[in-house]
Amino acid sequence: MDEIKAFGEATRRAIAAGFDGVEIHGANTYLIQQFYSPNSNQREDKWGGNLENRMRFPLAVIDQVKEVADQYANHDFIVGYRISPEEIETPGIRLEDTLTFVDRLADAPLDYLHVSMGNVWRTSLNDKEATEPILPQILRVLDDRIPLIGVGNIEKPEDAEKVIDAGIDFAAIGRELIREPQWVQKIIANDEGTIRYQLSPSDIDDLNIPAPLWDFLNFVFKPIAGISTEATPEETFANAAAPWDKF
């Protein structure tokens, strides 16, 4: 399939450009997730239908990317994979499906798994009675086969420490790096007191935030982009879909 080969070509170009690795984006309703989702994948051939067939495309992309990396990159070139663990549509991806998929990904030629959520401690979107966060469940399935990255509303050092203390290998930050690009450096320098946890329009030039990104932040992440607002409270994303999954 040409689309699978295209992922390999993108990997080859990344290697030629000097990148240290690539992350295969199988999350947030993009093409790879569309093949995995019973909501968007209505095919009746080998690429659609049951769970095994719907896993075929993402696993083939991983194999293609790894094949290209082995051919063109150094042995330490990193290949990761990102997932969204659930969908709110019916039919849609459910956590049980994802845990089955994670078990397959753990044996794939990957260097890590990255779970995309608005809050790192989110419970199930679909099972309102669920009390256990999703990440510890994924961690058990991985069983130390590949490292796990957690992301979502990690803003302060203690938030990252909580993730690591739970046995999750890495804590990723995204929105906070828009507010404070020197977040890591300031923590290393014991300069936490100067970390920016607020964002206002007057910061746009200082932080080199392009106008389209600022408009996006105000539309999707309004709590972090408003004038002098506090950092997003934990409950905002605790048990909600990532904003982009609502569209």
Protein backbone atom coordinates (compact mmCIF):
# COMPACT_ATOMS: atom_id res chain seq x y z
CA MET A 1 0.00 0.00 0.00
CA ASP A 2 1.44 3.37 -1.05
CA GLU A 3 0.38 5.05 2.20
CA ILE A 4 2.51 2.63 4.21
CA LYS A 5 5.51 3.26 1.99
CA ALA A 6 4.99 7.00 2.46
CA PHE A 7 5.65 6.63 6.19
CA GLY A 8 8.90 4.93 5.34
CA GLU A 9 9.86 7.74 2.96
CA ALA A 10 9.09 10.31 5.65
CA THR A 11 11.38 8.40 7.98
CA ARG A 12 14.16 8.34 5.39
CA ARG A 13 13.88 12.11 4.97
CA ALA A 14 13.99 12.60 8.74
CA ILE A 15 17.18 10.53 8.91
CA ALA A 16 18.73 12.51 6.04
CA ALA A 17 17.84 15.74 7.86
CA GLY A 18 19.73 14.60 10.95
CA PHE A 19 16.90 13.74 13.32
CA ASP A 20 17.59 11.32 16.18
CA GLY A 21 14.27 9.52 15.82
CA VAL A 22 10.66 9.65 14.73
CA GLU A 23 7.35 9.22 16.53
CA ILE A 24 4.66 7.44 14.53
CA HIS A 25 1.47 9.40 15.18
CA GLY A 26 -1.22 6.80 15.68
CA ALA A 27 -3.38 9.10 17.83
CA ASN A 28 -5.80 12.04 17.75
CA THR A 29 -7.98 10.72 14.90
CA TYR A 30 -5.25 10.99 12.23
CA LEU A 31 -4.87 8.40 9.45
CA ILE A 32 -3.36 5.55 11.47
CA GLN A 33 -6.01 5.82 14.17
CA GLN A 34 -8.68 6.00 11.46
CA PHE A 35 -7.59 2.57 10.25
CA TYR A 36 -7.64 1.20 13.81
CA SER A 37 -11.00 2.73 14.72
CA PRO A 38 -14.21 0.75 14.11
CA ASN A 39 -15.91 4.12 13.73
CA SER A 40 -13.93 5.42 10.75
CA ASN A 41 -12.77 2.12 9.26
CA GLN A 42 -15.73 0.63 7.42
CA ARG A 43 -13.62 -1.44 5.03
CA GLU A 44 -14.56 -5.03 4.26
CA ASP A 45 -11.17 -6.21 3.04
CA LYS A 46 -8.14 -7.35 5.04
CA TRP A 47 -7.58 -3.79 6.32
CA GLY A 48 -10.93 -3.50 8.11
CA GLY A 49 -13.61 -5.31 10.02
CA ASN A 50 -12.45 -7.20 13.12
CA LEU A 51 -9.84 -6.00 15.59
CA GLU A 52 -7.05 -8.09 14.08
CA ASN A 53 -7.61 -6.60 10.64
CA ARG A 54 -7.83 -3.05 11.99
CA MET A 55 -4.45 -3.50 13.68
CA ARG A 56 -2.91 -4.53 10.36
CA PHE A 57 -2.29 -1.00 9.02
CA PRO A 58 -0.59 0.49 12.12
CA LEU A 59 1.58 -2.61 12.57
CA ALA A 60 2.56 -2.48 8.89
CA VAL A 61 3.50 1.19 9.25
CA ILE A 62 5.71 0.34 12.25
CA ASP A 63 7.44 -2.44 10.30
CA GLN A 64 8.00 -0.13 7.32
CA VAL A 65 9.43 2.68 9.44
CA LYS A 66 11.70 0.28 11.29
CA GLU A 67 12.90 -1.30 8.05
CA VAL A 68 13.88 2.12 6.68
CA ALA A 69 15.51 3.11 9.97
CA ASP A 70 17.59 -0.08 9.99
CA GLN A 71 18.69 0.61 6.42
CA TYR A 72 19.55 4.31 6.65
CA ALA A 73 20.04 5.28 10.29
CA ASN A 74 22.51 4.56 13.06
CA HIS A 75 21.63 1.80 15.50
CA ASP A 76 20.53 4.35 18.13
CA PHE A 77 17.83 5.93 15.94
CA ILE A 78 14.60 6.00 17.98
CA VAL A 79 11.19 4.86 16.73
CA GLY A 80 8.23 5.57 19.00
CA TYR A 81 4.48 5.23 18.65
CA ARG A 82 1.65 7.42 19.97
CA ILE A 83 -1.91 6.30 20.67
CA SER A 84 -5.20 7.73 21.85
CA PRO A 85 -6.60 5.05 24.15
CA GLU A 86 -10.32 5.67 23.56
CA GLU A 87 -12.88 7.32 21.32
CA ILE A 88 -16.19 8.77 22.45
CA GLU A 89 -18.03 7.72 19.27
CA THR A 90 -20.13 4.56 18.98
CA PRO A 91 -18.79 2.37 17.58
CA GLY A 92 -15.35 3.53 18.58
CA ILE A 93 -12.10 2.50 20.19
CA ARG A 94 -12.66 1.21 23.71
CA LEU A 95 -10.06 0.65 26.40
CA GLU A 96 -10.33 -3.14 26.12
CA ASP A 97 -9.40 -2.87 22.42
CA THR A 98 -6.48 -0.61 23.25
CA LEU A 99 -5.07 -2.94 25.88
CA THR A 100 -5.09 -5.73 23.28
CA PHE A 101 -3.36 -3.42 20.81
CA VAL A 102 -0.82 -2.33 23.45
CA ASP A 103 0.11 -5.97 24.00
CA ARG A 104 0.94 -6.23 20.30
CA LEU A 105 2.80 -2.92 20.29
CA ALA A 106 4.93 -4.08 23.21
CA ASP A 107 6.35 -6.82 20.99
CA ALA A 108 6.71 -4.56 17.93
CA PRO A 109 10.09 -3.04 16.98
CA LEU A 110 9.48 0.12 19.01
CA ASP A 111 11.57 2.09 21.48
CA TYR A 112 8.64 3.53 23.44
CA LEU A 113 4.86 3.99 23.61
CA HIS A 114 3.38 7.48 24.09
CA VAL A 115 -0.23 7.74 25.32
CA SER A 116 -1.98 10.96 24.28
CA MET A 117 -4.46 12.29 26.85
CA GLY A 118 -5.55 15.69 28.14
CA ASN A 119 -4.73 14.55 31.65
CA VAL A 120 -2.13 11.94 32.50
CA TRP A 121 -4.36 10.51 35.25
CA ARG A 122 -7.55 10.33 33.20
CA THR A 123 -9.89 7.40 33.73
CA SER A 124 -12.08 5.85 31.04
CA LEU A 125 -14.15 8.20 28.89
CA ASN A 126 -16.77 5.54 28.35
CA ASP A 127 -16.97 3.71 31.66
CA LYS A 128 -18.13 6.43 34.03
CA GLU A 129 -17.80 4.07 36.99
CA ALA A 130 -14.12 3.42 36.33
CA THR A 131 -11.84 4.71 39.07
CA GLU A 132 -8.43 3.45 37.95
CA PRO A 133 -6.51 5.75 35.59
CA ILE A 134 -5.74 4.40 32.13
CA LEU A 135 -1.95 4.67 32.27
CA PRO A 136 -1.37 2.17 35.11
CA GLN A 137 -3.48 -0.34 33.19
CA ILE A 138 -1.36 0.15 30.08
CA LEU A 139 1.79 -0.07 32.17
CA ARG A 140 0.76 -3.51 33.44
CA VAL A 141 0.15 -4.78 29.92
CA LEU A 142 3.52 -3.47 28.71
CA ASP A 143 5.19 -5.40 31.55
CA ASP A 144 8.53 -3.60 31.07
CA ARG A 145 8.79 -4.65 27.42
CA ILE A 146 9.07 -1.06 26.15
CA PRO A 147 9.16 2.29 27.98
CA LEU A 148 5.95 4.28 28.51
CA ILE A 149 5.51 8.05 28.13
CA GLY A 150 2.67 9.81 29.95
CA VAL A 151 1.43 13.27 28.99
CA GLY A 152 -1.37 15.62 29.92
CA ASN A 153 -1.60 18.53 32.35
CA ILE A 154 1.93 17.99 33.68
CA GLU A 155 2.81 21.56 34.59
CA LYS A 156 4.88 21.64 37.76
CA PRO A 157 7.89 19.57 38.85
CA GLU A 158 5.79 17.69 41.38
CA ASP A 159 3.40 16.66 38.59
CA ALA A 160 6.29 15.05 36.70
CA GLU A 161 7.62 13.43 39.86
CA LYS A 162 4.22 11.85 40.54
CA VAL A 163 4.27 10.27 37.08
CA ILE A 164 7.77 8.84 37.53
CA ASP A 165 6.98 7.64 41.06
CA ALA A 166 4.08 5.64 39.59
CA GLY A 167 6.55 3.62 37.51
CA ILE A 168 5.88 5.42 34.22
CA ASP A 169 9.21 5.85 32.45
CA PHE A 170 8.85 9.39 31.08
CA ALA A 171 6.69 12.45 31.72
CA ALA A 172 6.13 14.60 28.62
CA ILE A 173 5.13 18.25 28.70
CA GLY A 174 3.53 20.20 25.87
CA ARG A 175 1.27 23.10 26.83
CA GLU A 176 3.60 24.15 29.64
CA LEU A 177 6.52 24.43 27.21
CA ILE A 178 4.51 26.99 25.24
CA ARG A 179 4.21 29.10 28.39
CA GLU A 180 7.73 28.38 29.61
CA PRO A 181 10.23 27.15 26.99
CA GLN A 182 12.97 27.03 29.66
CA TRP A 183 10.94 24.79 32.00
CA VAL A 184 13.50 21.98 32.13
CA GLN A 185 16.52 24.27 32.34
CA LYS A 186 15.01 26.27 35.20
CA ILE A 187 14.23 23.14 37.20
CA ILE A 188 17.76 21.82 36.68
CA ALA A 189 19.09 25.19 37.86
CA ASN A 190 16.84 25.15 40.96
CA ASP A 191 15.14 28.26 39.58
CA GLU A 192 11.56 27.06 39.77
CA GLY A 193 10.42 30.39 41.21
CA THR A 194 10.82 32.08 37.81
CA ILE A 195 8.83 29.50 35.82
CA ARG A 196 5.94 31.12 33.96
CA TYR A 197 2.61 29.49 34.83
CA GLN A 198 0.52 32.23 33.23
CA LEU A 199 0.16 33.38 29.67
CA SER A 200 -1.19 36.63 28.28
CA PRO A 201 -1.26 38.37 24.88
CA SER A 202 1.68 40.50 25.96
CA ASP A 203 3.83 37.34 26.01
CA ILE A 204 3.29 36.53 22.33
CA ASP A 205 6.35 38.35 21.00
CA ASP A 206 8.62 37.22 23.84
CA LEU A 207 7.71 33.57 23.27
CA ASN A 208 7.61 33.81 19.45
CA ILE A 209 4.08 32.41 19.41
CA PRO A 210 2.70 32.69 15.84
CA ALA A 211 -0.72 34.28 15.53
CA PRO A 212 -2.37 31.07 14.22
CA LEU A 213 -1.06 29.14 17.25
CA TRP A 214 -2.34 31.85 19.61
CA ASP A 215 -5.77 31.68 17.95
CA PHE A 216 -5.73 27.88 18.29
CA LEU A 217 -4.83 28.08 21.98
CA ASN A 218 -7.67 30.50 22.61
CA PHE A 219 -10.12 28.28 20.77
CA VAL A 220 -9.09 24.84 22.04
CA PHE A 221 -7.17 25.53 25.26
CA LYS A 222 -8.81 28.80 26.36
CA PRO A 223 -7.96 28.27 30.06
CA ILE A 224 -4.22 28.48 29.30
CA ALA A 225 -4.30 31.18 26.65
CA GLY A 226 -6.54 33.79 28.23
CA ILE A 227 -5.23 37.06 29.57
CA SER A 228 -3.15 36.38 32.67
CA THR A 229 -5.00 33.17 33.47
CA GLU A 230 -3.70 30.59 35.88
CA ALA A 231 -2.45 27.27 34.55
CA THR A 232 -5.20 24.86 33.60
CA PRO A 233 -6.67 23.29 36.76
CA GLU A 234 -6.29 19.53 36.96
CA GLU A 235 -10.03 18.89 36.92
CA THR A 236 -10.35 20.59 33.52
CA PHE A 237 -8.81 17.60 31.74
CA ALA A 238 -9.20 14.92 34.41
CA ASN A 239 -11.91 12.87 32.73
CA ALA A 240 -12.47 14.62 29.42
CA ALA A 241 -11.51 13.81 25.86
CA ALA A 242 -8.52 15.64 24.51
CA PRO A 243 -9.99 18.79 22.89
CA TRP A 244 -9.06 17.70 19.36
CA ASP A 245 -10.97 14.45 19.85
CA LYS A 246 -14.23 16.39 20.18
CA PHE A 247 -14.28 17.55 16.57
